[in-house]
Amino acid sequence: MRPLVRVLVRIPCLMICMCLFVAARPAGDKPAIALIIDGSFTGPARHGLEALREALRDRGFDIVGAAAPRTDTVVIVGLRGGIAENTLREWGGALPGAAEALAVRRGTYRGRPAVVLCGADERGLMYAALDAAARLSWSNDPRNPFEFVRDTVERPFLAERGVSMYTMQRAYFESRLYDERYWARYFDMLAASRINSFVVIFGYENGGFMAPPYPYFFDVEQFRDVQFVGLTPVEQARNTAAFKTMMRLAHERGISVTAGIWDHIYRGGVQAGGIPGAPKDAAIRAPGLVWGLTGDNLSAYTKAAIRKFLQVFPELRTHQAGAPGSAPRPSREGTA
């Protein structure tokens, strides 16, 4: 009978302990994360921080300040030269040095579990925050939400990491151009993959569409006869606004945008590229193609159009220009 008595006595004690533990956190309270952000960010770091906040909210955490009376974990975010760097030094961690480099380290801050996300610049800080947000989603332990976040110091192996897209088919290109949600999701994916360069290639073996692209966005005052057949000024303004929106969304995620401009005049023949329905004769005024360019005005028009293109789209990091038959080549410098 004695073993049975001991068991019966221990059960009430266990229930009392459980009640005391539950009562220590008021009913309905969420785990609290103190998010200490050292600085005000308007560039790529802001995108990374928003992703981190969203991940924390999705996991059911309250986001509080450093002075909150109750916090479970502290996250310190910043660039070199501030509290993030100072904390890394106190913990004996390495610092990010090169452009786009980052450092992530776990430790203890004022007696509480903590994580430091430090970037050498805003891109590096964005990459650290995006990586932490992704790893946060792997955890199911509210007491240790950053269990899969690893201590690391990283720097790029390649300074420029890019992808390109072509504008060969008008309907398909415009289905993306006008879709802001598409660009947001697409550039979210590129930023998470640490892509920092995006090239839009116009007029490359596409049956004359976007050869050249300038009249798709605007008319050049000195060359009123050069037109994109069938396009109205209202539609030109819509195209310009959509292209600017695309670049803004890319820049917010640390992705520079380059315009690659290839064919500057459509003469038919081999430029039709074997595309079904593409006009073989450039002497025909066809909807969807540029009309009014000749061998006589091509050089003068191109100089004026490129000048206006860079004025209308100052957001472009650079541009590339090619000739019929040449293949797109990556470049860090614009050429005209």
Protein backbone atom coordinates (compact mmCIF):
# COMPACT_ATOMS: atom_id res chain seq x y z
CA MET A 1 0.00 0.00 0.00
CA ARG A 2 2.88 2.44 0.60
CA PRO A 3 3.87 2.83 -3.09
CA LEU A 4 0.24 3.61 -3.92
CA VAL A 5 0.08 6.31 -1.24
CA ARG A 6 3.24 7.97 -2.56
CA VAL A 7 1.82 8.11 -6.09
CA LEU A 8 -1.46 9.60 -4.91
CA VAL A 9 0.41 12.27 -2.95
CA ARG A 10 2.65 13.26 -5.87
CA ILE A 11 -0.16 13.79 -8.37
CA PRO A 12 -1.72 16.77 -6.49
CA CYS A 13 1.74 18.28 -6.09
CA LEU A 14 2.34 17.97 -9.84
CA MET A 15 -1.01 19.60 -10.58
CA ILE A 16 -0.17 22.50 -8.26
CA CYS A 17 3.19 23.04 -9.99
CA MET A 18 1.56 23.02 -13.41
CA CYS A 19 -1.02 25.57 -12.31
CA LEU A 20 1.71 27.84 -10.95
CA PHE A 21 3.65 27.59 -14.24
CA VAL A 22 0.61 28.44 -16.37
CA ALA A 23 -0.30 31.30 -14.07
CA ALA A 24 3.13 32.83 -14.57
CA ARG A 25 2.02 33.99 -18.05
CA PRO A 26 -1.46 35.57 -18.19
CA ALA A 27 -4.01 33.67 -20.24
CA GLY A 28 -3.99 34.68 -23.88
CA ASP A 29 -0.51 36.27 -23.75
CA LYS A 30 1.73 35.69 -26.75
CA PRO A 31 5.47 35.14 -26.53
CA ALA A 32 7.17 38.54 -26.85
CA ILE A 33 10.11 39.38 -29.10
CA ALA A 34 12.01 42.59 -28.43
CA LEU A 35 13.05 43.91 -31.85
CA ILE A 36 15.85 46.46 -31.50
CA ILE A 37 16.44 48.24 -34.82
CA ASP A 38 19.51 50.44 -34.86
CA GLY A 39 18.85 53.01 -37.58
CA SER A 40 16.17 54.14 -39.99
CA PHE A 41 16.12 52.24 -43.27
CA THR A 42 14.46 53.17 -46.56
CA GLY A 43 16.32 50.82 -48.89
CA PRO A 44 16.62 47.03 -49.14
CA ALA A 45 17.03 46.60 -45.37
CA ARG A 46 13.47 47.84 -44.93
CA HIS A 47 12.20 44.99 -47.12
CA GLY A 48 14.13 42.44 -45.06
CA LEU A 49 12.83 43.85 -41.77
CA GLU A 50 9.24 43.76 -43.01
CA ALA A 51 9.70 40.10 -43.95
CA LEU A 52 11.11 39.40 -40.47
CA ARG A 53 8.22 41.18 -38.75
CA GLU A 54 5.70 39.27 -40.87
CA ALA A 55 7.37 35.95 -40.02
CA LEU A 56 7.25 36.77 -36.31
CA ARG A 57 3.58 37.74 -36.48
CA ASP A 58 2.75 34.60 -38.47
CA ARG A 59 4.33 32.50 -35.71
CA GLY A 60 2.18 34.23 -33.08
CA PHE A 61 4.75 36.50 -31.43
CA ASP A 62 4.18 39.97 -30.04
CA ILE A 63 6.81 42.43 -31.27
CA VAL A 64 7.80 44.85 -28.51
CA GLY A 65 10.50 47.41 -27.83
CA ALA A 66 13.63 46.95 -25.74
CA ALA A 67 12.02 48.67 -22.75
CA ALA A 68 9.03 46.31 -22.60
CA PRO A 69 8.53 44.80 -19.10
CA ARG A 70 8.37 41.25 -20.45
CA THR A 71 10.35 39.84 -23.39
CA ASP A 72 11.25 36.27 -24.21
CA THR A 73 13.87 36.85 -26.91
CA VAL A 74 15.79 39.87 -28.19
CA VAL A 75 16.61 40.49 -31.86
CA ILE A 76 19.19 43.21 -32.57
CA VAL A 77 19.30 44.50 -36.14
CA GLY A 78 21.68 47.06 -37.63
CA LEU A 79 24.66 48.00 -39.75
CA ARG A 80 28.32 48.27 -38.84
CA GLY A 81 29.11 51.06 -36.39
CA GLY A 82 26.14 50.64 -34.07
CA ILE A 83 24.66 48.41 -31.39
CA ALA A 84 24.69 45.35 -33.65
CA GLU A 85 28.44 45.63 -34.19
CA ASN A 86 29.08 46.39 -30.53
CA THR A 87 27.12 43.34 -29.43
CA LEU A 88 28.96 41.12 -31.92
CA ARG A 89 32.26 42.38 -30.53
CA GLU A 90 31.15 41.64 -26.96
CA TRP A 91 30.23 38.12 -27.98
CA GLY A 92 33.53 37.63 -29.81
CA GLY A 93 31.84 37.31 -33.20
CA ALA A 94 33.37 38.21 -36.57
CA LEU A 95 32.15 41.33 -38.35
CA PRO A 96 30.89 41.68 -41.94
CA GLY A 97 33.42 43.55 -44.04
CA ALA A 98 32.86 43.43 -47.82
CA ALA A 99 29.94 44.95 -49.68
CA GLU A 100 26.71 42.97 -49.10
CA ALA A 101 28.37 40.92 -46.34
CA LEU A 102 26.42 39.85 -43.25
CA ALA A 103 26.94 38.40 -39.80
CA VAL A 104 24.40 36.44 -37.73
CA ARG A 105 25.10 35.28 -34.19
CA ARG A 106 23.14 33.98 -31.25
CA GLY A 107 23.94 34.84 -27.66
CA THR A 108 22.59 36.42 -24.50
CA TYR A 109 21.62 40.08 -24.19
CA ARG A 110 20.87 41.41 -20.70
CA GLY A 111 20.06 37.95 -19.46
CA ARG A 112 17.76 36.99 -22.32
CA PRO A 113 18.32 34.81 -25.41
CA ALA A 114 19.25 37.05 -28.33
CA VAL A 115 20.09 37.09 -32.02
CA VAL A 116 22.15 39.73 -33.80
CA LEU A 117 21.66 40.46 -37.50
CA CYS A 118 24.38 42.78 -38.81
CA GLY A 119 25.01 43.94 -42.36
CA ALA A 120 27.96 45.68 -43.95
CA ASP A 121 25.34 47.63 -45.92
CA GLU A 122 21.58 47.55 -46.49
CA ARG A 123 21.71 44.67 -48.96
CA GLY A 124 23.73 42.58 -46.51
CA LEU A 125 21.31 43.37 -43.71
CA MET A 126 18.34 42.47 -45.94
CA TYR A 127 19.89 39.10 -46.75
CA ALA A 128 20.45 38.41 -43.05
CA ALA A 129 16.87 39.35 -42.17
CA LEU A 130 15.36 37.31 -45.03
CA ASP A 131 17.39 34.26 -44.04
CA ALA A 132 16.37 34.61 -40.38
CA ALA A 133 12.70 35.01 -41.40
CA ALA A 134 12.84 31.81 -43.46
CA ARG A 135 14.50 29.82 -40.67
CA LEU A 136 12.03 31.20 -38.14
CA SER A 137 9.24 29.50 -40.09
CA TRP A 138 10.90 26.10 -39.54
CA SER A 139 10.54 26.22 -35.75
CA ASN A 140 7.54 25.06 -33.76
CA ASP A 141 9.04 25.87 -30.37
CA PRO A 142 7.76 29.24 -29.06
CA ARG A 143 10.45 29.20 -26.35
CA ASN A 144 13.23 28.88 -28.95
CA PRO A 145 11.96 30.44 -32.20
CA PHE A 146 15.45 30.94 -33.60
CA GLU A 147 16.63 27.38 -33.00
CA PHE A 148 17.47 26.93 -36.69
CA VAL A 149 19.24 30.27 -37.07
CA ARG A 150 22.95 29.53 -37.35
CA ASP A 151 25.98 31.61 -36.49
CA THR A 152 27.53 32.73 -39.75
CA VAL A 153 29.58 35.40 -41.46
CA GLU A 154 29.06 35.56 -45.22
CA ARG A 155 30.29 37.64 -48.13
CA PRO A 156 29.47 37.37 -51.85
CA PHE A 157 31.65 35.21 -54.07
CA LEU A 158 30.30 37.10 -57.11
CA ALA A 159 29.72 40.84 -56.91
CA GLU A 160 27.04 40.75 -59.60
CA ARG A 161 24.45 37.98 -59.60
CA GLY A 162 21.81 38.53 -62.25
CA VAL A 163 19.00 37.15 -64.34
CA SER A 164 17.54 38.50 -67.57
CA MET A 165 14.19 38.47 -69.32
CA TYR A 166 13.25 39.00 -72.95
CA THR A 167 10.31 40.93 -74.39
CA MET A 168 9.76 38.69 -77.39
CA GLN A 169 6.00 38.20 -77.20
CA ARG A 170 3.91 41.30 -76.57
CA ALA A 171 0.86 39.73 -74.91
CA TYR A 172 2.97 37.64 -72.54
CA PHE A 173 5.31 40.52 -71.73
CA GLU A 174 2.41 42.87 -70.98
CA SER A 175 0.68 40.25 -68.81
CA ARG A 176 3.67 40.64 -66.50
CA LEU A 177 4.47 44.31 -67.07
CA TYR A 178 1.07 45.49 -65.78
CA ASP A 179 0.87 43.03 -62.86
CA GLU A 180 2.35 44.66 -59.76
CA ARG A 181 1.64 41.60 -57.61
CA TYR A 182 3.59 39.43 -60.05
CA TRP A 183 6.63 41.68 -59.82
CA ALA A 184 6.45 41.84 -56.02
CA ARG A 185 6.41 38.04 -55.73
CA TYR A 186 9.05 37.62 -58.44
CA PHE A 187 11.47 40.09 -56.87
CA ASP A 188 10.76 38.61 -53.42
CA MET A 189 12.05 35.32 -54.81
CA LEU A 190 15.09 36.93 -56.44
CA ALA A 191 16.00 38.85 -53.27
CA ALA A 192 15.70 35.69 -51.16
CA SER A 193 18.01 34.03 -53.70
CA ARG A 194 20.42 36.98 -53.35
CA ILE A 195 20.09 38.08 -56.96
CA ASN A 196 21.10 41.74 -57.22
CA SER A 197 20.81 42.48 -60.95
CA PHE A 198 17.89 42.23 -63.39
CA VAL A 199 18.25 42.87 -67.15
CA VAL A 200 15.26 43.54 -69.43
CA ILE A 201 16.22 42.84 -73.05
CA PHE A 202 14.26 44.69 -75.74
CA GLY A 203 14.16 43.95 -79.46
CA TYR A 204 16.26 40.80 -79.65
CA GLU A 205 15.08 38.50 -82.48
CA ASN A 206 11.42 39.06 -81.72
CA GLY A 207 9.86 39.79 -85.10
CA GLY A 208 10.20 43.55 -84.79
CA PHE A 209 8.40 44.09 -81.49
CA MET A 210 10.36 46.65 -79.42
CA ALA A 211 12.77 47.36 -82.29
CA PRO A 212 13.45 49.92 -80.94
CA PRO A 213 11.54 50.16 -77.62
CA TYR A 214 11.48 53.95 -77.27
CA PRO A 215 8.11 54.63 -79.01
CA TYR A 216 6.53 52.01 -76.74
CA PHE A 217 7.03 54.50 -73.91
CA PHE A 218 7.17 57.96 -75.51
CA ASP A 219 7.48 59.97 -78.73
CA VAL A 220 10.60 61.97 -79.55
CA GLU A 221 9.58 65.54 -80.31
CA GLN A 222 11.99 66.03 -83.22
CA PHE A 223 10.79 62.79 -84.89
CA ARG A 224 7.00 62.81 -84.75
CA ASP A 225 6.80 60.43 -87.72
CA VAL A 226 8.52 57.64 -85.76
CA GLN A 227 5.66 55.83 -83.99
CA PHE A 228 4.68 52.56 -82.44
CA VAL A 229 1.78 51.68 -84.74
CA GLY A 230 -1.56 51.49 -82.95
CA LEU A 231 -0.34 52.83 -79.59
CA THR A 232 -2.01 55.90 -78.08
CA PRO A 233 -0.38 58.48 -75.78
CA VAL A 234 -2.49 57.14 -72.90
CA GLU A 235 -1.15 53.64 -73.51
CA GLN A 236 2.41 54.98 -73.71
CA ALA A 237 1.94 56.65 -70.33
CA ARG A 238 0.60 53.40 -68.89
CA ASN A 239 3.64 51.50 -70.19
CA THR A 240 6.00 54.09 -68.70
CA ALA A 241 4.28 54.01 -65.31
CA ALA A 242 4.28 50.19 -65.24
CA PHE A 243 7.99 50.02 -66.10
CA LYS A 244 8.76 52.53 -63.35
CA THR A 245 6.70 50.49 -60.86
CA MET A 246 8.64 47.37 -61.81
CA MET A 247 11.95 49.15 -61.21
CA ARG A 248 10.76 50.58 -57.88
CA LEU A 249 9.81 47.12 -56.63
CA ALA A 250 13.18 45.76 -57.74
CA HIS A 251 15.13 48.56 -56.05
CA GLU A 252 13.20 48.07 -52.81
CA ARG A 253 14.64 44.56 -52.77
CA GLY A 254 18.22 45.55 -53.58
CA ILE A 255 17.99 44.62 -57.27
CA SER A 256 19.36 47.01 -59.88
CA VAL A 257 17.71 47.14 -63.31
CA THR A 258 19.48 47.33 -66.65
CA ALA A 259 17.82 47.86 -70.04
CA GLY A 260 19.35 45.84 -72.86
CA ILE A 261 18.33 47.43 -76.18
CA TRP A 262 19.22 45.42 -79.27
CA ASP A 263 17.55 45.92 -82.69
CA HIS A 264 17.11 49.64 -83.34
CA ILE A 265 15.38 49.22 -86.67
CA TYR A 266 13.32 46.38 -88.13
CA ARG A 267 14.03 45.46 -91.73
CA GLY A 268 12.27 42.11 -91.87
CA GLY A 269 14.07 39.10 -93.31
CA VAL A 270 16.25 37.30 -90.79
CA GLN A 271 15.02 39.66 -88.03
CA ALA A 272 11.63 37.97 -88.23
CA GLY A 273 13.33 35.14 -86.37
CA GLY A 274 11.06 32.48 -87.85
CA ILE A 275 8.21 33.76 -85.68
CA PRO A 276 4.81 32.73 -87.13
CA GLY A 277 2.89 35.80 -88.28
CA ALA A 278 5.87 38.16 -88.03
CA PRO A 279 5.91 40.63 -90.94
CA LYS A 280 8.59 39.65 -93.46
CA ASP A 281 8.43 43.01 -95.21
CA ALA A 282 9.38 46.02 -93.07
CA ALA A 283 7.85 48.33 -95.70
CA ILE A 284 4.38 47.41 -94.44
CA ARG A 285 2.89 49.61 -91.71
CA ALA A 286 1.99 46.86 -89.24
CA PRO A 287 0.30 47.21 -85.81
CA GLY A 288 2.66 46.49 -82.96
CA LEU A 289 5.80 47.57 -84.84
CA VAL A 290 7.71 50.84 -85.06
CA TRP A 291 7.11 52.87 -88.21
CA GLY A 292 9.03 55.83 -89.60
CA LEU A 293 12.66 54.82 -89.11
CA THR A 294 14.91 54.80 -92.16
CA GLY A 295 18.59 54.60 -92.87
CA ASP A 296 18.57 58.38 -93.18
CA ASN A 297 17.15 59.25 -89.76
CA LEU A 298 18.21 56.20 -87.73
CA SER A 299 21.40 57.64 -86.24
CA ALA A 300 19.93 61.01 -85.29
CA TYR A 301 16.75 59.46 -83.92
CA THR A 302 18.65 56.88 -81.84
CA LYS A 303 20.84 59.53 -80.20
CA ALA A 304 17.83 61.66 -79.28
CA ALA A 305 15.75 58.66 -78.17
CA ILE A 306 18.44 57.22 -75.90
CA ARG A 307 18.94 60.64 -74.32
CA LYS A 308 15.21 60.90 -73.58
CA PHE A 309 15.05 57.26 -72.45
CA LEU A 310 17.60 57.97 -69.72
CA GLN A 311 15.74 61.13 -68.73
CA VAL A 312 12.38 59.35 -68.51
CA PHE A 313 13.90 56.39 -66.63
CA PRO A 314 16.62 57.76 -64.34
CA GLU A 315 16.01 54.69 -62.15
CA LEU A 316 18.03 52.56 -64.60
CA ARG A 317 21.47 51.68 -63.34
CA THR A 318 22.76 51.49 -66.92
CA HIS A 319 21.73 50.39 -70.36
CA GLN A 320 23.16 48.17 -73.06
CA ALA A 321 22.80 48.72 -76.78
CA GLY A 322 23.40 46.17 -79.50
CA ALA A 323 23.03 45.66 -83.20
CA PRO A 324 21.05 43.20 -85.33
CA GLY A 325 22.63 39.76 -85.14
CA SER A 326 24.66 40.44 -82.02
CA ALA A 327 24.03 38.41 -78.89
CA PRO A 328 23.27 39.99 -75.49
CA ARG A 329 26.36 40.11 -73.31
CA PRO A 330 26.42 41.08 -69.62
CA SER A 331 28.15 44.37 -68.93
CA ARG A 332 28.73 46.58 -65.94
CA GLU A 333 28.92 49.72 -68.09
CA GLY A 334 26.32 51.21 -70.42
CA THR A 335 27.24 51.68 -74.06
CA ALA A 336 25.48 53.63 -76.76
